[in-house]
Amino acid sequence: MSALCTVVGLGVALPFALSATPAHAQPILGVDKSHAGNFARGGQGVYTITVSNSGDEPATPLELTDNLPTGLTVADIQGDLASACEATNSGTTLHCDGFGLADDASTTFEVTVDVAADAPCSVANTVTVTQGGGATVSDSDQTTITGGDCDGGNGGGGGSILPINLNGLIPMFNNITTNNNINSPGASNNSRQTYRLNAP
């Protein structure tokens, strides 16, 4: 009797156990921002941004925002999202709106930036992607900027710490001392010093 109850119990409980965690399709957003090499003051640099959806449901609508750090402004946008993106706030903000991604899909585009002549020597750039006011993902990229005092120097070329060569400007003297000392009882010690001016 107990065996029969066990079998019946399993038969009743098993369907509930199988349906406790049903599969649910959903988008899974990702974003990656990168660059190659260093950026130079007064020049340009290129950032590569990839937005991905590794889920099994389309991701839409999507909005991308990239507030560029001090010293960088948007110069050009190339790639699949170029038509959905624009530079605002005098080129300091990149905004892409009204686009989506199919399930298990990604898109990559490039952003060329102008680097100011007085840009900081190192900047952090963060891009953020949001789906319909819900899920948000972001990625940061650290960029080294070269040129001017960003090259690790102190502005000097080595050598003397004095800014000018003083040779010939300040008279130098030769000080010649002759000390006659006779090491014997009752001897005297005579010292003679001769000064001569060096001609510049």
N, C-alpha and C. Protein backbone atom coordinates (compact mmCIF):
# COMPACT_ATOMS: atom_id res chain seq x y z
N MET A 1 0.82 -1.20 0.00
CA MET A 1 0.00 0.00 0.00
C MET A 1 0.85 1.25 0.00
N SER A 2 1.92 1.20 0.77
CA SER A 2 2.82 2.35 0.82
C SER A 2 3.50 2.58 -0.51
N ALA A 3 3.84 1.48 -1.24
CA ALA A 3 4.48 1.62 -2.55
C ALA A 3 3.54 2.31 -3.53
N LEU A 4 2.27 1.96 -3.47
CA LEU A 4 1.30 2.56 -4.37
C LEU A 4 1.13 4.04 -4.08
N CYS A 5 1.13 4.39 -2.82
CA CYS A 5 1.03 5.80 -2.45
C CYS A 5 2.22 6.59 -2.94
N THR A 6 3.40 5.98 -2.88
CA THR A 6 4.61 6.66 -3.34
C THR A 6 4.53 6.95 -4.83
N VAL A 7 4.09 5.95 -5.60
CA VAL A 7 3.99 6.13 -7.04
C VAL A 7 2.97 7.21 -7.38
N VAL A 8 1.86 7.19 -6.72
CA VAL A 8 0.84 8.19 -6.98
C VAL A 8 1.34 9.58 -6.59
N GLY A 9 2.05 9.64 -5.48
CA GLY A 9 2.60 10.92 -5.03
C GLY A 9 3.56 11.51 -6.04
N LEU A 10 4.42 10.67 -6.60
CA LEU A 10 5.37 11.13 -7.61
C LEU A 10 4.64 11.58 -8.87
N GLY A 11 3.61 10.82 -9.23
CA GLY A 11 2.87 11.16 -10.43
C GLY A 11 2.17 12.49 -10.31
N VAL A 12 1.78 12.87 -9.13
CA VAL A 12 1.12 14.15 -8.93
C VAL A 12 2.12 15.28 -8.83
N ALA A 13 3.22 15.04 -8.16
CA ALA A 13 4.21 16.09 -7.89
C ALA A 13 5.08 16.41 -9.10
N LEU A 14 5.36 15.42 -9.93
CA LEU A 14 6.31 15.58 -11.03
C LEU A 14 5.91 16.66 -12.03
N PRO A 15 4.68 16.74 -12.48
CA PRO A 15 4.32 17.80 -13.44
C PRO A 15 4.55 19.19 -12.88
N PHE A 16 4.28 19.39 -11.61
CA PHE A 16 4.51 20.70 -10.99
C PHE A 16 5.99 21.03 -10.96
N ALA A 17 6.83 20.03 -10.69
CA ALA A 17 8.27 20.25 -10.62
C ALA A 17 8.82 20.64 -11.99
N LEU A 18 8.32 20.02 -13.04
CA LEU A 18 8.82 20.31 -14.39
C LEU A 18 8.41 21.70 -14.87
N SER A 19 7.28 22.19 -14.43
CA SER A 19 6.80 23.48 -14.90
C SER A 19 7.15 24.63 -13.95
N ALA A 20 7.97 24.37 -12.94
CA ALA A 20 8.30 25.40 -11.95
C ALA A 20 9.18 26.49 -12.54
N THR A 21 10.06 26.17 -13.50
CA THR A 21 10.98 27.16 -14.09
C THR A 21 10.84 27.14 -15.61
N PRO A 22 9.75 27.70 -16.13
CA PRO A 22 9.56 27.68 -17.59
C PRO A 22 10.58 28.56 -18.28
N ALA A 23 10.96 28.22 -19.50
CA ALA A 23 11.90 29.02 -20.29
C ALA A 23 11.24 30.34 -20.67
N HIS A 24 12.04 31.42 -20.65
CA HIS A 24 11.49 32.72 -20.99
C HIS A 24 12.46 33.45 -21.93
N ALA A 25 12.02 33.78 -23.13
CA ALA A 25 12.86 34.47 -24.09
C ALA A 25 13.03 35.92 -23.67
N GLN A 26 14.25 36.42 -23.80
CA GLN A 26 14.52 37.82 -23.45
C GLN A 26 15.80 38.28 -24.13
N PRO A 27 15.90 39.59 -24.38
CA PRO A 27 17.15 40.14 -24.93
C PRO A 27 18.21 40.24 -23.84
N ILE A 28 19.46 40.11 -24.24
CA ILE A 28 20.59 40.26 -23.31
C ILE A 28 21.56 41.26 -23.94
N LEU A 29 21.55 42.48 -23.44
CA LEU A 29 22.35 43.55 -24.04
C LEU A 29 23.81 43.51 -23.60
N GLY A 30 24.66 44.01 -24.50
CA GLY A 30 26.08 44.17 -24.20
C GLY A 30 26.63 45.34 -25.01
N VAL A 31 27.68 46.00 -24.49
CA VAL A 31 28.32 47.08 -25.24
C VAL A 31 29.81 47.06 -24.94
N ASP A 32 30.59 47.37 -25.96
CA ASP A 32 32.05 47.37 -25.81
C ASP A 32 32.61 48.60 -26.52
N LYS A 33 33.50 49.32 -25.82
CA LYS A 33 34.14 50.49 -26.42
C LYS A 33 35.65 50.30 -26.34
N SER A 34 36.35 50.53 -27.45
CA SER A 34 37.80 50.32 -27.49
C SER A 34 38.45 51.29 -28.46
N HIS A 35 39.77 51.32 -28.45
CA HIS A 35 40.53 52.12 -29.41
C HIS A 35 41.89 51.47 -29.58
N ALA A 36 42.63 51.89 -30.60
CA ALA A 36 43.97 51.37 -30.85
C ALA A 36 44.99 52.48 -30.71
N GLY A 37 46.08 52.22 -29.97
CA GLY A 37 47.15 53.19 -29.83
C GLY A 37 46.77 54.38 -28.97
N ASN A 38 47.66 55.38 -28.94
CA ASN A 38 47.42 56.61 -28.18
C ASN A 38 46.87 57.69 -29.10
N PHE A 39 46.21 58.67 -28.50
CA PHE A 39 45.74 59.84 -29.25
C PHE A 39 46.74 60.97 -29.02
N ALA A 40 46.96 61.80 -30.05
CA ALA A 40 47.92 62.90 -29.94
C ALA A 40 47.19 64.23 -29.84
N ARG A 41 47.70 65.10 -29.00
CA ARG A 41 47.13 66.45 -28.90
C ARG A 41 47.16 67.13 -30.26
N GLY A 42 46.06 67.79 -30.59
CA GLY A 42 45.98 68.47 -31.87
C GLY A 42 45.67 67.56 -33.04
N GLY A 43 45.51 66.26 -32.78
CA GLY A 43 45.24 65.30 -33.85
C GLY A 43 43.86 64.69 -33.70
N GLN A 44 43.72 63.46 -34.19
CA GLN A 44 42.45 62.74 -34.11
C GLN A 44 42.67 61.33 -33.59
N GLY A 45 41.61 60.75 -33.09
CA GLY A 45 41.63 59.36 -32.64
C GLY A 45 40.32 58.70 -33.03
N VAL A 46 40.31 57.36 -33.02
CA VAL A 46 39.12 56.61 -33.42
C VAL A 46 38.71 55.63 -32.33
N TYR A 47 37.45 55.72 -31.91
CA TYR A 47 36.86 54.76 -30.98
C TYR A 47 35.99 53.78 -31.76
N THR A 48 36.01 52.51 -31.37
CA THR A 48 35.14 51.49 -31.95
C THR A 48 34.12 51.07 -30.90
N ILE A 49 32.85 51.15 -31.25
CA ILE A 49 31.77 50.80 -30.33
C ILE A 49 30.97 49.64 -30.92
N THR A 50 30.79 48.58 -30.13
CA THR A 50 30.00 47.43 -30.55
C THR A 50 28.84 47.23 -29.57
N VAL A 51 27.62 47.21 -30.11
CA VAL A 51 26.42 46.94 -29.31
C VAL A 51 25.93 45.55 -29.70
N SER A 52 25.63 44.71 -28.70
CA SER A 52 25.25 43.33 -28.99
C SER A 52 24.01 42.91 -28.21
N ASN A 53 23.31 41.93 -28.76
CA ASN A 53 22.17 41.30 -28.10
C ASN A 53 22.37 39.79 -28.21
N SER A 54 22.80 39.18 -27.12
CA SER A 54 23.06 37.73 -27.14
C SER A 54 21.84 36.93 -26.68
N GLY A 55 20.71 37.61 -26.49
CA GLY A 55 19.50 36.91 -26.06
C GLY A 55 18.75 36.30 -27.21
N ASP A 56 17.60 35.69 -26.89
CA ASP A 56 16.80 35.01 -27.91
C ASP A 56 15.52 35.78 -28.22
N GLU A 57 15.55 37.08 -28.00
CA GLU A 57 14.43 37.96 -28.33
C GLU A 57 14.99 39.30 -28.79
N PRO A 58 14.37 39.96 -29.76
CA PRO A 58 14.89 41.25 -30.23
C PRO A 58 14.96 42.29 -29.12
N ALA A 59 15.93 43.19 -29.23
CA ALA A 59 16.10 44.28 -28.26
C ALA A 59 15.74 45.59 -28.94
N THR A 60 14.66 46.21 -28.50
CA THR A 60 14.21 47.47 -29.09
C THR A 60 13.18 48.12 -28.16
N PRO A 61 13.11 49.44 -28.14
CA PRO A 61 14.01 50.41 -28.78
C PRO A 61 15.26 50.60 -27.93
N LEU A 62 16.36 50.93 -28.59
CA LEU A 62 17.63 51.13 -27.90
C LEU A 62 18.08 52.58 -28.01
N GLU A 63 18.76 53.04 -26.97
CA GLU A 63 19.31 54.40 -26.95
C GLU A 63 20.74 54.34 -26.45
N LEU A 64 21.65 54.97 -27.19
CA LEU A 64 23.08 54.99 -26.83
C LEU A 64 23.50 56.42 -26.53
N THR A 65 24.23 56.59 -25.43
CA THR A 65 24.73 57.91 -25.05
C THR A 65 26.21 57.80 -24.71
N ASP A 66 27.00 58.71 -25.26
CA ASP A 66 28.44 58.76 -24.99
C ASP A 66 28.82 60.20 -24.72
N ASN A 67 29.02 60.54 -23.44
CA ASN A 67 29.47 61.88 -23.07
C ASN A 67 31.00 61.90 -23.10
N LEU A 68 31.56 62.50 -24.13
CA LEU A 68 33.01 62.49 -24.32
C LEU A 68 33.70 63.28 -23.21
N PRO A 69 34.89 62.84 -22.80
CA PRO A 69 35.63 63.56 -21.76
C PRO A 69 36.18 64.89 -22.27
N THR A 70 36.64 65.72 -21.34
CA THR A 70 37.20 67.03 -21.68
C THR A 70 38.34 66.88 -22.68
N GLY A 71 38.32 67.71 -23.72
CA GLY A 71 39.40 67.69 -24.71
C GLY A 71 39.08 66.89 -25.96
N LEU A 72 37.95 66.16 -25.97
CA LEU A 72 37.56 65.36 -27.14
C LEU A 72 36.20 65.82 -27.65
N THR A 73 36.08 65.89 -28.97
CA THR A 73 34.79 66.22 -29.61
C THR A 73 34.60 65.32 -30.82
N VAL A 74 33.35 65.02 -31.14
CA VAL A 74 33.02 64.15 -32.27
C VAL A 74 33.35 64.84 -33.59
N ALA A 75 34.07 64.14 -34.45
CA ALA A 75 34.41 64.66 -35.77
C ALA A 75 33.66 63.92 -36.87
N ASP A 76 33.44 62.59 -36.69
CA ASP A 76 32.79 61.81 -37.74
C ASP A 76 32.26 60.51 -37.14
N ILE A 77 31.19 59.97 -37.77
CA ILE A 77 30.59 58.70 -37.36
C ILE A 77 30.44 57.83 -38.59
N GLN A 78 30.98 56.62 -38.53
CA GLN A 78 30.92 55.70 -39.66
C GLN A 78 30.43 54.33 -39.18
N GLY A 79 29.55 53.70 -39.99
CA GLY A 79 29.08 52.36 -39.64
C GLY A 79 27.58 52.26 -39.72
N ASP A 80 27.06 51.09 -39.31
CA ASP A 80 25.64 50.80 -39.44
C ASP A 80 24.76 51.78 -38.68
N LEU A 81 25.23 52.30 -37.56
CA LEU A 81 24.41 53.20 -36.75
C LEU A 81 24.59 54.67 -37.08
N ALA A 82 25.37 54.98 -38.08
CA ALA A 82 25.68 56.38 -38.38
C ALA A 82 24.41 57.20 -38.61
N SER A 83 23.42 56.61 -39.26
CA SER A 83 22.19 57.35 -39.56
C SER A 83 21.33 57.58 -38.32
N ALA A 84 21.57 56.79 -37.27
CA ALA A 84 20.77 56.93 -36.05
C ALA A 84 21.48 57.77 -34.99
N CYS A 85 22.69 58.22 -35.31
CA CYS A 85 23.51 58.94 -34.32
C CYS A 85 23.72 60.39 -34.72
N GLU A 86 23.88 61.23 -33.71
CA GLU A 86 24.22 62.63 -33.95
C GLU A 86 25.06 63.14 -32.79
N ALA A 87 25.87 64.17 -33.09
CA ALA A 87 26.69 64.80 -32.07
C ALA A 87 25.97 66.05 -31.58
N THR A 88 25.85 66.18 -30.27
CA THR A 88 25.17 67.34 -29.68
C THR A 88 26.11 68.02 -28.68
N ASN A 89 25.64 69.11 -28.07
CA ASN A 89 26.44 69.85 -27.09
C ASN A 89 27.81 70.23 -27.64
N SER A 90 27.80 70.84 -28.82
CA SER A 90 29.05 71.28 -29.48
C SER A 90 30.01 70.12 -29.73
N GLY A 91 29.45 68.94 -29.99
CA GLY A 91 30.27 67.78 -30.33
C GLY A 91 30.78 67.01 -29.14
N THR A 92 30.38 67.37 -27.93
CA THR A 92 30.89 66.67 -26.75
C THR A 92 30.03 65.48 -26.34
N THR A 93 28.85 65.33 -26.97
CA THR A 93 27.96 64.20 -26.65
C THR A 93 27.56 63.48 -27.93
N LEU A 94 27.68 62.15 -27.90
CA LEU A 94 27.22 61.32 -29.01
C LEU A 94 25.91 60.66 -28.56
N HIS A 95 24.86 60.82 -29.37
CA HIS A 95 23.56 60.26 -29.02
C HIS A 95 23.00 59.49 -30.20
N CYS A 96 22.62 58.21 -29.96
CA CYS A 96 22.03 57.36 -30.98
C CYS A 96 20.68 56.88 -30.46
N ASP A 97 19.63 57.03 -31.26
CA ASP A 97 18.28 56.72 -30.80
C ASP A 97 17.48 56.04 -31.89
N GLY A 98 16.45 55.29 -31.46
CA GLY A 98 15.52 54.70 -32.43
C GLY A 98 16.08 53.54 -33.21
N PHE A 99 16.93 52.74 -32.62
CA PHE A 99 17.44 51.56 -33.32
C PHE A 99 17.21 50.32 -32.46
N GLY A 100 17.36 49.16 -33.07
CA GLY A 100 17.17 47.91 -32.35
C GLY A 100 18.09 46.83 -32.88
N LEU A 101 18.11 45.71 -32.18
CA LEU A 101 18.93 44.57 -32.58
C LEU A 101 18.08 43.31 -32.55
N ALA A 102 18.23 42.49 -33.58
CA ALA A 102 17.56 41.19 -33.59
C ALA A 102 18.19 40.29 -32.53
N ASP A 103 17.55 39.17 -32.27
CA ASP A 103 18.13 38.24 -31.31
C ASP A 103 19.45 37.68 -31.86
N ASP A 104 20.40 37.54 -30.95
CA ASP A 104 21.74 37.01 -31.28
C ASP A 104 22.39 37.80 -32.42
N ALA A 105 22.38 39.12 -32.26
CA ALA A 105 22.94 40.00 -33.30
C ALA A 105 23.77 41.10 -32.66
N SER A 106 24.60 41.77 -33.47
CA SER A 106 25.42 42.87 -32.98
C SER A 106 25.66 43.86 -34.11
N THR A 107 26.07 45.06 -33.74
CA THR A 107 26.41 46.07 -34.73
C THR A 107 27.61 46.86 -34.23
N THR A 108 28.49 47.25 -35.15
CA THR A 108 29.72 47.96 -34.80
C THR A 108 29.82 49.24 -35.62
N PHE A 109 30.23 50.33 -34.97
CA PHE A 109 30.48 51.56 -35.72
C PHE A 109 31.67 52.28 -35.11
N GLU A 110 32.22 53.24 -35.85
CA GLU A 110 33.42 53.96 -35.44
C GLU A 110 33.13 55.45 -35.26
N VAL A 111 33.71 56.01 -34.21
CA VAL A 111 33.55 57.43 -33.93
C VAL A 111 34.94 58.07 -33.95
N THR A 112 35.16 58.99 -34.89
CA THR A 112 36.42 59.74 -34.95
C THR A 112 36.26 61.00 -34.11
N VAL A 113 37.27 61.26 -33.26
CA VAL A 113 37.21 62.43 -32.38
C VAL A 113 38.39 63.36 -32.66
N ASP A 114 38.15 64.65 -32.50
CA ASP A 114 39.22 65.65 -32.53
C ASP A 114 39.78 65.78 -31.12
N VAL A 115 41.11 65.83 -31.02
CA VAL A 115 41.78 65.96 -29.73
C VAL A 115 42.31 67.38 -29.60
N ALA A 116 41.87 68.08 -28.56
CA ALA A 116 42.29 69.47 -28.36
C ALA A 116 43.78 69.56 -28.05
N ALA A 117 44.37 70.71 -28.37
CA ALA A 117 45.80 70.91 -28.12
C ALA A 117 46.13 70.93 -26.64
N ASP A 118 45.14 71.16 -25.78
CA ASP A 118 45.37 71.18 -24.34
C ASP A 118 44.60 70.07 -23.63
N ALA A 119 44.32 68.99 -24.36
CA ALA A 119 43.57 67.86 -23.77
C ALA A 119 44.36 67.24 -22.62
N PRO A 120 43.67 66.67 -21.61
CA PRO A 120 44.37 65.99 -20.51
C PRO A 120 45.21 64.84 -21.04
N CYS A 121 46.21 64.44 -20.26
CA CYS A 121 47.12 63.37 -20.70
C CYS A 121 46.48 61.99 -20.62
N SER A 122 45.39 61.86 -19.89
CA SER A 122 44.68 60.59 -19.79
C SER A 122 43.19 60.88 -19.57
N VAL A 123 42.34 60.19 -20.31
CA VAL A 123 40.89 60.41 -20.18
C VAL A 123 40.18 59.07 -20.13
N ALA A 124 39.04 59.04 -19.44
CA ALA A 124 38.19 57.86 -19.40
C ALA A 124 36.90 58.18 -20.14
N ASN A 125 36.53 57.31 -21.05
CA ASN A 125 35.35 57.53 -21.88
C ASN A 125 34.35 56.40 -21.63
N THR A 126 33.10 56.75 -21.27
CA THR A 126 32.08 55.75 -20.95
C THR A 126 30.90 55.87 -21.90
N VAL A 127 30.48 54.72 -22.46
CA VAL A 127 29.31 54.67 -23.33
C VAL A 127 28.23 53.84 -22.63
N THR A 128 26.97 54.28 -22.77
CA THR A 128 25.85 53.62 -22.10
C THR A 128 24.75 53.30 -23.11
N VAL A 129 24.18 52.10 -23.01
CA VAL A 129 23.07 51.69 -23.87
C VAL A 129 21.90 51.29 -22.98
N THR A 130 20.71 51.82 -23.30
CA THR A 130 19.50 51.55 -22.53
C THR A 130 18.41 51.04 -23.44
N GLN A 131 17.66 50.03 -22.97
CA GLN A 131 16.54 49.52 -23.74
C GLN A 131 15.23 50.03 -23.14
N GLY A 132 14.56 50.91 -23.87
CA GLY A 132 13.24 51.37 -23.48
C GLY A 132 13.09 51.80 -22.04
N GLY A 133 14.10 52.44 -21.48
CA GLY A 133 14.03 52.87 -20.10
C GLY A 133 14.20 51.75 -19.10
N GLY A 134 14.55 50.56 -19.59
CA GLY A 134 14.72 49.40 -18.70
C GLY A 134 16.16 49.03 -18.50
N ALA A 135 16.57 47.90 -19.11
CA ALA A 135 17.93 47.38 -18.92
C ALA A 135 18.96 48.38 -19.44
N THR A 136 20.04 48.55 -18.68
CA THR A 136 21.12 49.47 -19.05
C THR A 136 22.47 48.77 -18.91
N VAL A 137 23.31 48.93 -19.93
CA VAL A 137 24.68 48.40 -19.89
C VAL A 137 25.63 49.52 -20.27
N SER A 138 26.87 49.43 -19.80
CA SER A 138 27.86 50.47 -20.12
C SER A 138 29.25 49.86 -20.18
N ASP A 139 30.17 50.61 -20.78
CA ASP A 139 31.57 50.18 -20.86
C ASP A 139 32.46 51.42 -20.89
N SER A 140 33.60 51.35 -20.21
CA SER A 140 34.54 52.48 -20.16
C SER A 140 35.84 52.11 -20.84
N ASP A 141 36.46 53.13 -21.42
CA ASP A 141 37.73 52.93 -22.13
C ASP A 141 38.70 54.02 -21.69
N GLN A 142 39.88 53.63 -21.19
CA GLN A 142 40.91 54.58 -20.76
C GLN A 142 41.83 54.89 -21.94
N THR A 143 42.04 56.18 -22.20
CA THR A 143 42.83 56.59 -23.35
C THR A 143 44.01 57.45 -22.92
N THR A 144 45.20 57.12 -23.41
CA THR A 144 46.39 57.92 -23.15
C THR A 144 46.57 58.94 -24.28
N ILE A 145 46.83 60.19 -23.91
CA ILE A 145 47.01 61.27 -24.88
C ILE A 145 48.45 61.78 -24.79
N THR A 146 49.10 61.92 -25.94
CA THR A 146 50.49 62.33 -25.99
C THR A 146 50.63 63.73 -26.58
N GLY A 147 51.86 64.27 -26.46
CA GLY A 147 52.15 65.59 -27.01
C GLY A 147 52.33 66.62 -25.92
N GLY A 148 53.22 67.59 -26.16
CA GLY A 148 53.47 68.63 -25.16
C GLY A 148 53.98 68.06 -23.86
N ASP A 149 53.45 68.56 -22.74
CA ASP A 149 53.91 68.06 -21.44
C ASP A 149 53.31 66.72 -21.09
N CYS A 150 52.57 66.09 -22.01
CA CYS A 150 52.05 64.74 -21.77
C CYS A 150 53.09 63.67 -22.08
N ASP A 151 54.24 64.06 -22.62
CA ASP A 151 55.25 63.08 -23.01
C ASP A 151 56.20 62.73 -21.88
N GLY A 152 55.90 63.15 -20.65
CA GLY A 152 56.71 62.76 -19.50
C GLY A 152 57.86 63.66 -19.21
N GLY A 153 58.08 64.71 -20.00
CA GLY A 153 59.19 65.63 -19.76
C GLY A 153 58.78 66.76 -18.86
N ASN A 154 59.77 67.55 -18.41
CA ASN A 154 59.48 68.72 -17.59
C ASN A 154 59.75 70.01 -18.34
N GLY A 155 59.90 69.87 -19.66
CA GLY A 155 60.12 71.05 -20.48
C GLY A 155 61.58 71.38 -20.66
N GLY A 156 62.48 70.71 -19.95
CA GLY A 156 63.90 71.01 -20.05
C GLY A 156 64.62 70.02 -20.93
N GLY A 157 65.80 70.35 -21.34
CA GLY A 157 66.56 69.46 -22.19
C GLY A 157 67.74 68.84 -21.49
N GLY A 158 67.75 68.89 -20.15
CA GLY A 158 68.86 68.31 -19.41
C GLY A 158 69.99 69.30 -19.29
N GLY A 159 71.08 68.89 -18.67
CA GLY A 159 72.24 69.75 -18.50
C GLY A 159 72.09 70.65 -17.30
N SER A 160 72.59 71.87 -17.42
CA SER A 160 72.60 72.80 -16.30
C SER A 160 71.19 73.15 -15.87
N ILE A 161 71.01 73.33 -14.55
CA ILE A 161 69.70 73.74 -14.04
C ILE A 161 69.52 75.24 -14.18
N LEU A 162 70.61 75.98 -14.50
CA LEU A 162 70.51 77.42 -14.66
C LEU A 162 69.96 77.75 -16.04
N PRO A 163 69.11 78.75 -16.14
CA PRO A 163 68.53 79.07 -17.44
C PRO A 163 69.49 79.78 -18.38
N ILE A 164 70.60 80.38 -17.84
CA ILE A 164 71.55 81.07 -18.70
C ILE A 164 72.96 80.65 -18.34
N ASN A 165 73.86 80.85 -19.26
CA ASN A 165 75.27 80.56 -19.02
C ASN A 165 75.94 81.81 -18.46
N LEU A 166 76.44 81.70 -17.25
CA LEU A 166 77.02 82.86 -16.58
C LEU A 166 78.51 83.03 -16.88
N ASN A 167 79.07 82.17 -17.70
CA ASN A 167 80.49 82.26 -18.00
C ASN A 167 80.80 83.58 -18.69
N GLY A 168 81.73 84.36 -18.12
CA GLY A 168 82.14 85.63 -18.69
C GLY A 168 81.34 86.80 -18.17
N LEU A 169 80.22 86.52 -17.47
CA LEU A 169 79.42 87.61 -16.95
C LEU A 169 79.82 88.00 -15.53
N ILE A 170 80.26 87.02 -14.78
CA ILE A 170 80.70 87.29 -13.41
C ILE A 170 82.22 87.14 -13.35
N PRO A 171 82.96 88.18 -12.89
CA PRO A 171 84.42 88.07 -12.79
C PRO A 171 84.82 86.94 -11.85
N MET A 172 85.74 86.13 -12.28
CA MET A 172 86.25 85.04 -11.45
C MET A 172 87.70 85.34 -11.10
N PHE A 173 88.09 85.01 -9.89
CA PHE A 173 89.44 85.29 -9.40
C PHE A 173 90.19 84.01 -9.16
N ASN A 174 91.52 84.09 -9.45
CA ASN A 174 92.42 83.04 -9.04
C ASN A 174 92.98 83.41 -7.68
N ASN A 175 92.81 82.57 -6.71
CA ASN A 175 93.31 82.82 -5.36
C ASN A 175 94.47 81.88 -5.11
N ILE A 176 95.67 82.45 -5.14
CA ILE A 176 96.88 81.63 -4.96
C ILE A 176 97.49 81.98 -3.62
N THR A 177 97.60 80.98 -2.78
CA THR A 177 98.17 81.19 -1.44
C THR A 177 99.48 80.44 -1.32
N THR A 178 100.48 81.15 -0.86
CA THR A 178 101.78 80.52 -0.59
C THR A 178 102.02 80.57 0.90
N ASN A 179 102.21 79.44 1.49
CA ASN A 179 102.40 79.35 2.94
C ASN A 179 103.80 78.83 3.22
N ASN A 180 104.63 79.71 3.75
CA ASN A 180 105.99 79.30 4.09
C ASN A 180 106.03 78.99 5.59
N ASN A 181 106.22 77.78 5.91
CA ASN A 181 106.23 77.38 7.31
C ASN A 181 107.49 76.58 7.58
N ILE A 182 108.31 77.11 8.45
CA ILE A 182 109.54 76.41 8.83
C ILE A 182 109.28 75.72 10.15
N ASN A 183 109.28 74.44 10.13
CA ASN A 183 108.98 73.68 11.34
C ASN A 183 110.20 73.58 12.25
N SER A 184 110.52 74.67 12.82
CA SER A 184 111.64 74.68 13.76
C SER A 184 111.34 75.70 14.84
N PRO A 185 111.97 75.56 16.01
CA PRO A 185 111.69 76.50 17.12
C PRO A 185 112.01 77.93 16.72
N GLY A 186 111.07 78.84 17.02
CA GLY A 186 111.28 80.25 16.76
C GLY A 186 111.02 80.67 15.34
N ALA A 187 110.57 79.77 14.48
CA ALA A 187 110.33 80.13 13.09
C ALA A 187 109.02 80.89 12.97
N SER A 188 108.88 81.65 11.90
CA SER A 188 107.66 82.42 11.67
C SER A 188 106.88 81.83 10.49
N ASN A 189 105.58 82.15 10.45
CA ASN A 189 104.70 81.64 9.39
C ASN A 189 104.24 82.80 8.53
N ASN A 190 104.68 82.86 7.27
CA ASN A 190 104.32 83.94 6.35
C ASN A 190 103.34 83.42 5.30
N SER A 191 102.27 84.16 5.06
CA SER A 191 101.29 83.78 4.05
C SER A 191 101.12 84.92 3.06
N ARG A 192 101.24 84.60 1.77
CA ARG A 192 101.05 85.59 0.74
C ARG A 192 99.91 85.13 -0.18
N GLN A 193 98.98 86.05 -0.49
CA GLN A 193 97.87 85.75 -1.39
C GLN A 193 97.89 86.72 -2.57
N THR A 194 97.76 86.19 -3.76
CA THR A 194 97.76 87.00 -4.98
C THR A 194 96.44 86.81 -5.70
N TYR A 195 95.78 87.91 -6.04
CA TYR A 195 94.48 87.87 -6.75
C TYR A 195 94.67 88.41 -8.17
N ARG A 196 94.19 87.67 -9.12
CA ARG A 196 94.24 88.11 -10.51
C ARG A 196 92.84 87.96 -11.12
N LEU A 197 92.42 88.97 -11.86
CA LEU A 197 91.10 88.94 -12.50
C LEU A 197 91.19 88.20 -13.81
N ASN A 198 90.28 87.20 -13.99
CA ASN A 198 90.23 86.50 -15.28
C ASN A 198 89.53 87.37 -16.30
N ALA A 199 90.16 87.54 -17.43
CA ALA A 199 89.51 88.34 -18.50
C ALA A 199 88.34 87.51 -19.07
N PRO A 200 87.20 88.13 -19.27
CA PRO A 200 86.05 87.40 -19.82
C PRO A 200 86.32 86.94 -21.25
